[in-house]
Amino acid sequence: MKAMILAAGLGNRMRPLTLHTPKPLLEVGGKPLIVWHLEKLAAIGVTEIVINTAWLGEKLAEALGDGSQFGVHILWSHEVEGLETAGGIINALPLLGDEPFILLNGDVWTSMDFAPLLDVELGENLAHLVLVENPEQHPEGDFTLAGGKAYTFDQKVEGEKLTFSGISVLDPKMFAGLEAGKRPLAPLLKAAMLNNEVAASKLTGIWVDVGTPERLTALDLAIREGKSA
């Protein structure tokens, strides 16, 4: 199984830290955010990893190289300008192939063991989303989890209202026939949910959307004090 790490964002909320450093290279616990992902993927045997870039992409490529220092092989998908989540995936499909792949946001940190993602059987589903308890900055959540499936709020299904963690397993079929260009992922996920084609599970462990300098500092302190296991 391959993986893709999304790393093309501008990181506007993290400025001024991201004026000269791409967000995934910001450090917590002594290493860049994206390196935590690379090491966790390598630990479960996922070594073919696609990373997309746009803003300061050359710095990411310079820092990570071909990935050999982390025990992985990085395939770079450089974008002239950010194509948003789905657009970035579509652009990278030639590198990802035809089989389901793990997708990770490059600006989240988690203590989650990624190994269960290898056992995800999509079957007729187009995606399997990992959902989390709603963080303070996003109290309403994104989707409803019920019976191992994810639903839009418009579907009025009774269940837990949770937030998408940015961790998932996707089938390339979700993007079949779609043209290249800027395109967000959320509308595609919601369309699949309306067809009952999105499975989901709830994350066990710690998860942080490292979206502001304050959250970055707090996470760094928690890791260094051993409070993030």
C-alpha atoms as a PDB file:
ATOM      1  CA  MET A   1       0.000   0.000   0.000  1.00  0.00           C
ATOM      2  CA  LYS A   2       1.191   3.504  -0.839  1.00  0.00           C
ATOM      3  CA  ALA A   3       0.572   6.693   1.109  1.00  0.00           C
ATOM      4  CA  MET A   4       0.202  10.346   0.215  1.00  0.00           C
ATOM      5  CA  ILE A   5       0.998  13.236   2.533  1.00  0.00           C
ATOM      6  CA  LEU A   6      -0.620  16.571   1.718  1.00  0.00           C
ATOM      7  CA  ALA A   7       2.008  19.291   2.093  1.00  0.00           C
ATOM      8  CA  ALA A   8       1.113  21.995  -0.428  1.00  0.00           C
ATOM      9  CA  GLY A   9      -0.750  24.436   1.829  1.00  0.00           C
ATOM     10  CA  LEU A  10       0.253  28.041   2.413  1.00  0.00           C
ATOM     11  CA  GLY A  11       0.010  27.771   6.200  1.00  0.00           C
ATOM     12  CA  ASN A  12      -1.470  31.254   6.489  1.00  0.00           C
ATOM     13  CA  ARG A  13      -2.694  30.738  10.051  1.00  0.00           C
ATOM     14  CA  MET A  14       0.841  29.836  11.123  1.00  0.00           C
ATOM     15  CA  ARG A  15       2.441  33.044   9.919  1.00  0.00           C
ATOM     16  CA  PRO A  16       5.021  34.447  10.491  1.00  0.00           C
ATOM     17  CA  LEU A  17       6.466  30.951  11.086  1.00  0.00           C
ATOM     18  CA  THR A  18       5.545  29.811   7.581  1.00  0.00           C
ATOM     19  CA  LEU A  19       6.869  32.826   5.696  1.00  0.00           C
ATOM     20  CA  HIS A  20      10.161  31.012   5.163  1.00  0.00           C
ATOM     21  CA  THR A  21       9.408  27.463   6.358  1.00  0.00           C
ATOM     22  CA  PRO A  22       6.723  25.175   4.876  1.00  0.00           C
ATOM     23  CA  LYS A  23       4.253  24.193   7.571  1.00  0.00           C
ATOM     24  CA  PRO A  24       5.067  20.433   7.524  1.00  0.00           C
ATOM     25  CA  LEU A  25       8.683  21.267   8.394  1.00  0.00           C
ATOM     26  CA  LEU A  26       7.753  23.083  11.604  1.00  0.00           C
ATOM     27  CA  GLU A  27       9.114  21.086  14.517  1.00  0.00           C
ATOM     28  CA  VAL A  28       7.435  19.508  17.531  1.00  0.00           C
ATOM     29  CA  GLY A  29       9.264  17.264  19.947  1.00  0.00           C
ATOM     30  CA  GLY A  30      12.543  17.812  18.132  1.00  0.00           C
ATOM     31  CA  LYS A  31      11.499  16.817  14.608  1.00  0.00           C
ATOM     32  CA  PRO A  32       9.386  18.236  11.761  1.00  0.00           C
ATOM     33  CA  LEU A  33       5.678  17.403  11.739  1.00  0.00           C
ATOM     34  CA  ILE A  34       5.977  15.523   8.452  1.00  0.00           C
ATOM     35  CA  VAL A  35       8.863  13.388   9.747  1.00  0.00           C
ATOM     36  CA  TRP A  36       6.590  11.973  12.451  1.00  0.00           C
ATOM     37  CA  HIS A  37       4.340  10.724   9.622  1.00  0.00           C
ATOM     38  CA  LEU A  38       7.238   9.334   7.596  1.00  0.00           C
ATOM     39  CA  GLU A  39       8.606   7.386  10.542  1.00  0.00           C
ATOM     40  CA  LYS A  40       5.201   5.999  11.507  1.00  0.00           C
ATOM     41  CA  LEU A  41       4.539   4.884   7.922  1.00  0.00           C
ATOM     42  CA  ALA A  42       7.957   3.268   7.654  1.00  0.00           C
ATOM     43  CA  ALA A  43       7.305   1.422  10.923  1.00  0.00           C
ATOM     44  CA  ILE A  44       4.264  -0.329   9.408  1.00  0.00           C
ATOM     45  CA  GLY A  45       6.013  -1.138   6.143  1.00  0.00           C
ATOM     46  CA  VAL A  46       4.529   1.639   3.992  1.00  0.00           C
ATOM     47  CA  THR A  47       7.591   2.886   2.157  1.00  0.00           C
ATOM     48  CA  GLU A  48       6.269   4.324  -1.119  1.00  0.00           C
ATOM     49  CA  ILE A  49       5.097   7.803  -0.169  1.00  0.00           C
ATOM     50  CA  VAL A  50       3.866  10.593  -2.435  1.00  0.00           C
ATOM     51  CA  ILE A  51       4.215  14.148  -1.126  1.00  0.00           C
ATOM     52  CA  ASN A  52       2.662  17.095  -2.955  1.00  0.00           C
ATOM     53  CA  THR A  53       4.149  20.555  -2.676  1.00  0.00           C
ATOM     54  CA  ALA A  54       3.468  24.117  -3.737  1.00  0.00           C
ATOM     55  CA  TRP A  55       4.402  26.857  -1.258  1.00  0.00           C
ATOM     56  CA  LEU A  56       8.157  26.594  -0.491  1.00  0.00           C
ATOM     57  CA  GLY A  57       8.119  23.124  -2.012  1.00  0.00           C
ATOM     58  CA  GLU A  58      11.794  23.286  -2.857  1.00  0.00           C
ATOM     59  CA  LYS A  59      12.587  23.537   0.858  1.00  0.00           C
ATOM     60  CA  LEU A  60      10.559  20.401   1.588  1.00  0.00           C
ATOM     61  CA  ALA A  61      12.323  18.490  -1.160  1.00  0.00           C
ATOM     62  CA  GLU A  62      15.714  19.713   0.015  1.00  0.00           C
ATOM     63  CA  ALA A  63      15.033  18.708   3.626  1.00  0.00           C
ATOM     64  CA  LEU A  64      13.542  15.264   2.927  1.00  0.00           C
ATOM     65  CA  GLY A  65      15.280  14.261  -0.287  1.00  0.00           C
ATOM     66  CA  ASP A  66      14.362  10.823  -1.567  1.00  0.00           C
ATOM     67  CA  GLY A  67      13.293   9.709   1.914  1.00  0.00           C
ATOM     68  CA  SER A  68      16.052   7.140   2.335  1.00  0.00           C
ATOM     69  CA  GLN A  69      17.161   8.691   5.618  1.00  0.00           C
ATOM     70  CA  PHE A  70      13.738   7.740   7.008  1.00  0.00           C
ATOM     71  CA  GLY A  71      13.598   4.290   5.439  1.00  0.00           C
ATOM     72  CA  VAL A  72      11.087   5.291   2.759  1.00  0.00           C
ATOM     73  CA  HIS A  73      11.039   6.275  -0.919  1.00  0.00           C
ATOM     74  CA  ILE A  74       9.471   9.685  -1.545  1.00  0.00           C
ATOM     75  CA  LEU A  75       7.781  10.437  -4.859  1.00  0.00           C
ATOM     76  CA  TRP A  76       7.379  14.191  -5.296  1.00  0.00           C
ATOM     77  CA  SER A  77       4.299  15.757  -6.879  1.00  0.00           C
ATOM     78  CA  HIS A  78       5.161  19.428  -7.361  1.00  0.00           C
ATOM     79  CA  GLU A  79       2.363  21.886  -8.089  1.00  0.00           C
ATOM     80  CA  VAL A  80       2.953  25.306  -9.649  1.00  0.00           C
ATOM     81  CA  GLU A  81       0.204  26.626  -7.407  1.00  0.00           C
ATOM     82  CA  GLY A  82      -1.775  24.825  -4.744  1.00  0.00           C
ATOM     83  CA  LEU A  83      -4.506  22.669  -6.263  1.00  0.00           C
ATOM     84  CA  GLU A  84      -6.418  22.083  -2.987  1.00  0.00           C
ATOM     85  CA  THR A  85      -6.848  18.597  -1.589  1.00  0.00           C
ATOM     86  CA  ALA A  86      -8.666  16.716  -4.349  1.00  0.00           C
ATOM     87  CA  GLY A  87      -6.828  18.609  -7.069  1.00  0.00           C
ATOM     88  CA  GLY A  88      -3.514  17.641  -5.514  1.00  0.00           C
ATOM     89  CA  ILE A  89      -4.560  14.001  -5.357  1.00  0.00           C
ATOM     90  CA  ILE A  90      -5.740  13.982  -8.984  1.00  0.00           C
ATOM     91  CA  ASN A  91      -2.413  15.498 -10.040  1.00  0.00           C
ATOM     92  CA  ALA A  92      -0.580  12.742  -8.136  1.00  0.00           C
ATOM     93  CA  LEU A  93      -2.675   9.783  -9.344  1.00  0.00           C
ATOM     94  CA  PRO A  94      -0.019   8.625 -11.849  1.00  0.00           C
ATOM     95  CA  LEU A  95       2.315   8.165  -8.874  1.00  0.00           C
ATOM     96  CA  LEU A  96      -0.314   6.555  -6.632  1.00  0.00           C
ATOM     97  CA  GLY A  97      -1.534   3.863  -9.003  1.00  0.00           C
ATOM     98  CA  ASP A  98      -4.888   2.070  -9.017  1.00  0.00           C
ATOM     99  CA  GLU A  99      -4.995   0.605  -5.501  1.00  0.00           C
ATOM    100  CA  PRO A 100      -6.394   2.245  -2.340  1.00  0.00           C
ATOM    101  CA  PHE A 101      -3.877   4.447  -0.552  1.00  0.00           C
ATOM    102  CA  ILE A 102      -3.421   6.086   2.837  1.00  0.00           C
ATOM    103  CA  LEU A 103      -3.933   9.862   2.831  1.00  0.00           C
ATOM    104  CA  LEU A 104      -2.510  12.057   5.603  1.00  0.00           C
ATOM    105  CA  ASN A 105      -2.680  15.791   6.169  1.00  0.00           C
ATOM    106  CA  GLY A 106       0.859  17.037   6.639  1.00  0.00           C
ATOM    107  CA  ASP A 107      -0.129  19.485   9.361  1.00  0.00           C
ATOM    108  CA  VAL A 108      -1.693  17.127  11.911  1.00  0.00           C
ATOM    109  CA  TRP A 109       0.022  15.195  14.683  1.00  0.00           C
ATOM    110  CA  THR A 110      -1.304  12.045  16.275  1.00  0.00           C
ATOM    111  CA  SER A 111      -0.287   9.223  18.557  1.00  0.00           C
ATOM    112  CA  MET A 112      -2.505   6.893  16.493  1.00  0.00           C
ATOM    113  CA  ASP A 113      -0.996   3.610  15.383  1.00  0.00           C
ATOM    114  CA  PHE A 114      -1.337   3.601  11.582  1.00  0.00           C
ATOM    115  CA  ALA A 115      -1.158  -0.204  11.340  1.00  0.00           C
ATOM    116  CA  PRO A 116      -4.972  -0.707  11.311  1.00  0.00           C
ATOM    117  CA  LEU A 117      -5.125   1.344   8.105  1.00  0.00           C
ATOM    118  CA  LEU A 118      -3.402  -1.549   6.349  1.00  0.00           C
ATOM    119  CA  ASP A 119      -6.337  -3.792   7.244  1.00  0.00           C
ATOM    120  CA  VAL A 120      -9.022  -1.485   5.865  1.00  0.00           C
ATOM    121  CA  GLU A 121     -11.098  -3.306   3.259  1.00  0.00           C
ATOM    122  CA  LEU A 122     -12.999  -0.710   1.274  1.00  0.00           C
ATOM    123  CA  GLY A 123     -15.173  -3.187  -0.602  1.00  0.00           C
ATOM    124  CA  GLU A 124     -17.893  -1.102  -2.231  1.00  0.00           C
ATOM    125  CA  ASN A 125     -16.792   2.001  -0.326  1.00  0.00           C
ATOM    126  CA  LEU A 126     -14.722   4.744  -1.907  1.00  0.00           C
ATOM    127  CA  ALA A 127     -13.197   5.930   1.363  1.00  0.00           C
ATOM    128  CA  HIS A 128     -12.578   5.112   4.998  1.00  0.00           C
ATOM    129  CA  LEU A 129     -12.269   8.201   7.195  1.00  0.00           C
ATOM    130  CA  VAL A 130     -10.721   8.389  10.636  1.00  0.00           C
ATOM    131  CA  LEU A 131     -12.788  10.769  12.767  1.00  0.00           C
ATOM    132  CA  VAL A 132     -11.955  12.445  16.083  1.00  0.00           C
ATOM    133  CA  GLU A 133     -13.707  14.150  18.966  1.00  0.00           C
ATOM    134  CA  ASN A 134     -14.449  17.742  17.996  1.00  0.00           C
ATOM    135  CA  PRO A 135     -11.577  20.033  18.983  1.00  0.00           C
ATOM    136  CA  GLU A 136     -12.187  23.321  20.738  1.00  0.00           C
ATOM    137  CA  GLN A 137     -11.693  25.285  17.521  1.00  0.00           C
ATOM    138  CA  HIS A 138     -14.224  23.161  15.603  1.00  0.00           C
ATOM    139  CA  PRO A 139     -17.006  22.279  18.067  1.00  0.00           C
ATOM    140  CA  GLU A 140     -19.714  21.418  15.509  1.00  0.00           C
ATOM    141  CA  GLY A 141     -17.735  18.693  13.749  1.00  0.00           C
ATOM    142  CA  ASP A 142     -17.810  17.650  10.096  1.00  0.00           C
ATOM    143  CA  PHE A 143     -19.710  14.370   9.769  1.00  0.00           C
ATOM    144  CA  THR A 144     -21.876  11.893  11.642  1.00  0.00           C
ATOM    145  CA  LEU A 145     -20.473   8.476  12.555  1.00  0.00           C
ATOM    146  CA  ALA A 146     -23.058   5.719  12.794  1.00  0.00           C
ATOM    147  CA  GLY A 147     -22.712   1.986  12.280  1.00  0.00           C
ATOM    148  CA  GLY A 148     -19.219   2.231  10.827  1.00  0.00           C
ATOM    149  CA  LYS A 149     -20.280   4.724   8.175  1.00  0.00           C
ATOM    150  CA  ALA A 150     -19.867   8.485   7.769  1.00  0.00           C
ATOM    151  CA  TYR A 151     -22.810  10.690   6.875  1.00  0.00           C
ATOM    152  CA  THR A 152     -23.344  14.357   6.110  1.00  0.00           C
ATOM    153  CA  PHE A 153     -25.358  16.328   8.625  1.00  0.00           C
ATOM    154  CA  ASP A 154     -27.979  16.859   5.911  1.00  0.00           C
ATOM    155  CA  GLN A 155     -28.680  13.127   5.926  1.00  0.00           C
ATOM    156  CA  LYS A 156     -30.129  13.490   9.463  1.00  0.00           C
ATOM    157  CA  VAL A 157     -28.654  10.211  10.700  1.00  0.00           C
ATOM    158  CA  GLU A 158     -28.493   9.674  14.455  1.00  0.00           C
ATOM    159  CA  GLY A 159     -24.938   9.168  15.670  1.00  0.00           C
ATOM    160  CA  GLU A 160     -21.808  10.921  16.909  1.00  0.00           C
ATOM    161  CA  LYS A 161     -20.990  14.267  15.326  1.00  0.00           C
ATOM    162  CA  LEU A 162     -17.220  14.163  14.832  1.00  0.00           C
ATOM    163  CA  THR A 163     -14.393  15.926  13.001  1.00  0.00           C
ATOM    164  CA  PHE A 164     -12.406  14.515  10.086  1.00  0.00           C
ATOM    165  CA  SER A 165      -8.843  13.934  11.279  1.00  0.00           C
ATOM    166  CA  GLY A 166      -7.166  14.285   7.906  1.00  0.00           C
ATOM    167  CA  ILE A 167      -6.321  10.575   8.068  1.00  0.00           C
ATOM    168  CA  SER A 168      -8.039   8.245   5.613  1.00  0.00           C
ATOM    169  CA  VAL A 169      -7.822   5.440   3.111  1.00  0.00           C
ATOM    170  CA  LEU A 170      -9.092   6.407  -0.344  1.00  0.00           C
ATOM    171  CA  ASP A 171      -9.845   4.497  -3.515  1.00  0.00           C
ATOM    172  CA  PRO A 172      -8.566   6.219  -6.680  1.00  0.00           C
ATOM    173  CA  LYS A 173     -11.966   5.416  -8.203  1.00  0.00           C
ATOM    174  CA  MET A 174     -13.304   8.418  -6.269  1.00  0.00           C
ATOM    175  CA  PHE A 175     -11.465  10.646  -8.733  1.00  0.00           C
ATOM    176  CA  ALA A 176     -12.249   8.752 -11.930  1.00  0.00           C
ATOM    177  CA  GLY A 177     -13.083  11.036 -14.823  1.00  0.00           C
ATOM    178  CA  LEU A 178     -12.340  14.249 -12.945  1.00  0.00           C
ATOM    179  CA  GLU A 179     -10.282  16.877 -14.713  1.00  0.00           C
ATOM    180  CA  ALA A 180      -7.105  18.325 -13.257  1.00  0.00           C
ATOM    181  CA  GLY A 181      -7.297  21.693 -11.542  1.00  0.00           C
ATOM    182  CA  LYS A 182      -8.188  23.224  -8.211  1.00  0.00           C
ATOM    183  CA  ARG A 183     -10.708  21.047  -6.422  1.00  0.00           C
ATOM    184  CA  PRO A 184     -11.492  20.508  -2.716  1.00  0.00           C
ATOM    185  CA  LEU A 185     -12.024  17.012  -1.320  1.00  0.00           C
ATOM    186  CA  ALA A 186     -15.032  17.672   0.916  1.00  0.00           C
ATOM    187  CA  PRO A 187     -17.665  17.822  -1.894  1.00  0.00           C
ATOM    188  CA  LEU A 188     -16.444  14.487  -3.264  1.00  0.00           C
ATOM    189  CA  LEU A 189     -16.639  12.880   0.163  1.00  0.00           C
ATOM    190  CA  LYS A 190     -20.134  14.239   0.749  1.00  0.00           C
ATOM    191  CA  ALA A 191     -21.315  12.971  -2.649  1.00  0.00           C
ATOM    192  CA  ALA A 192     -19.962   9.524  -1.779  1.00  0.00           C
ATOM    193  CA  MET A 193     -21.693   9.659   1.613  1.00  0.00           C
ATOM    194  CA  LEU A 194     -25.008  10.304  -0.086  1.00  0.00           C
ATOM    195  CA  ASN A 195     -24.413   7.019  -1.931  1.00  0.00           C
ATOM    196  CA  ASN A 196     -23.492   5.241   1.321  1.00  0.00           C
ATOM    197  CA  GLU A 197     -19.930   4.741   0.075  1.00  0.00           C
ATOM    198  CA  VAL A 198     -17.858   6.125   2.968  1.00  0.00           C
ATOM    199  CA  ALA A 199     -16.855   3.980   5.930  1.00  0.00           C
ATOM    200  CA  ALA A 200     -15.436   5.545   9.092  1.00  0.00           C
ATOM    201  CA  SER A 201     -13.933   4.806  12.466  1.00  0.00           C
ATOM    202  CA  LYS A 202     -13.074   6.856  15.533  1.00  0.00           C
ATOM    203  CA  LEU A 203      -9.458   7.575  16.338  1.00  0.00           C
ATOM    204  CA  THR A 204      -7.974   6.046  19.451  1.00  0.00           C
ATOM    205  CA  GLY A 205      -5.202   8.261  20.798  1.00  0.00           C
ATOM    206  CA  ILE A 206      -4.172  11.899  20.736  1.00  0.00           C
ATOM    207  CA  TRP A 207      -4.764  14.099  17.706  1.00  0.00           C
ATOM    208  CA  VAL A 208      -3.824  17.740  17.153  1.00  0.00           C
ATOM    209  CA  ASP A 209      -4.595  19.984  14.211  1.00  0.00           C
ATOM    210  CA  VAL A 210      -1.454  22.097  14.382  1.00  0.00           C
ATOM    211  CA  GLY A 211      -3.137  25.146  12.906  1.00  0.00           C
ATOM    212  CA  THR A 212      -1.743  28.027  14.941  1.00  0.00           C
ATOM    213  CA  PRO A 213       1.591  28.953  16.556  1.00  0.00           C
ATOM    214  CA  GLU A 214      -0.067  28.530  19.934  1.00  0.00           C
ATOM    215  CA  ARG A 215      -1.127  24.951  19.223  1.00  0.00           C
ATOM    216  CA  LEU A 216       2.331  24.206  17.833  1.00  0.00           C
ATOM    217  CA  THR A 217       3.964  25.441  21.037  1.00  0.00           C
ATOM    218  CA  ALA A 218       1.515  23.551  23.259  1.00  0.00           C
ATOM    219  CA  LEU A 219       2.050  20.297  21.346  1.00  0.00           C
ATOM    220  CA  ASP A 220       5.827  20.681  21.443  1.00  0.00           C
ATOM    221  CA  LEU A 221       5.692  21.110  25.216  1.00  0.00           C
ATOM    222  CA  ALA A 222       3.359  18.118  25.643  1.00  0.00           C
ATOM    223  CA  ILE A 223       5.630  15.855  23.625  1.00  0.00           C
ATOM    224  CA  ARG A 224       8.730  16.965  25.492  1.00  0.00           C
ATOM    225  CA  GLU A 225       6.998  16.405  28.825  1.00  0.00           C
ATOM    226  CA  GLY A 226       5.816  12.952  27.759  1.00  0.00           C
ATOM    227  CA  LYS A 227       2.138  13.868  27.801  1.00  0.00           C
ATOM    228  CA  SER A 228       1.402  12.949  24.201  1.00  0.00           C
ATOM    229  CA  ALA A 229       1.631   9.145  24.218  1.00  0.00           C
END
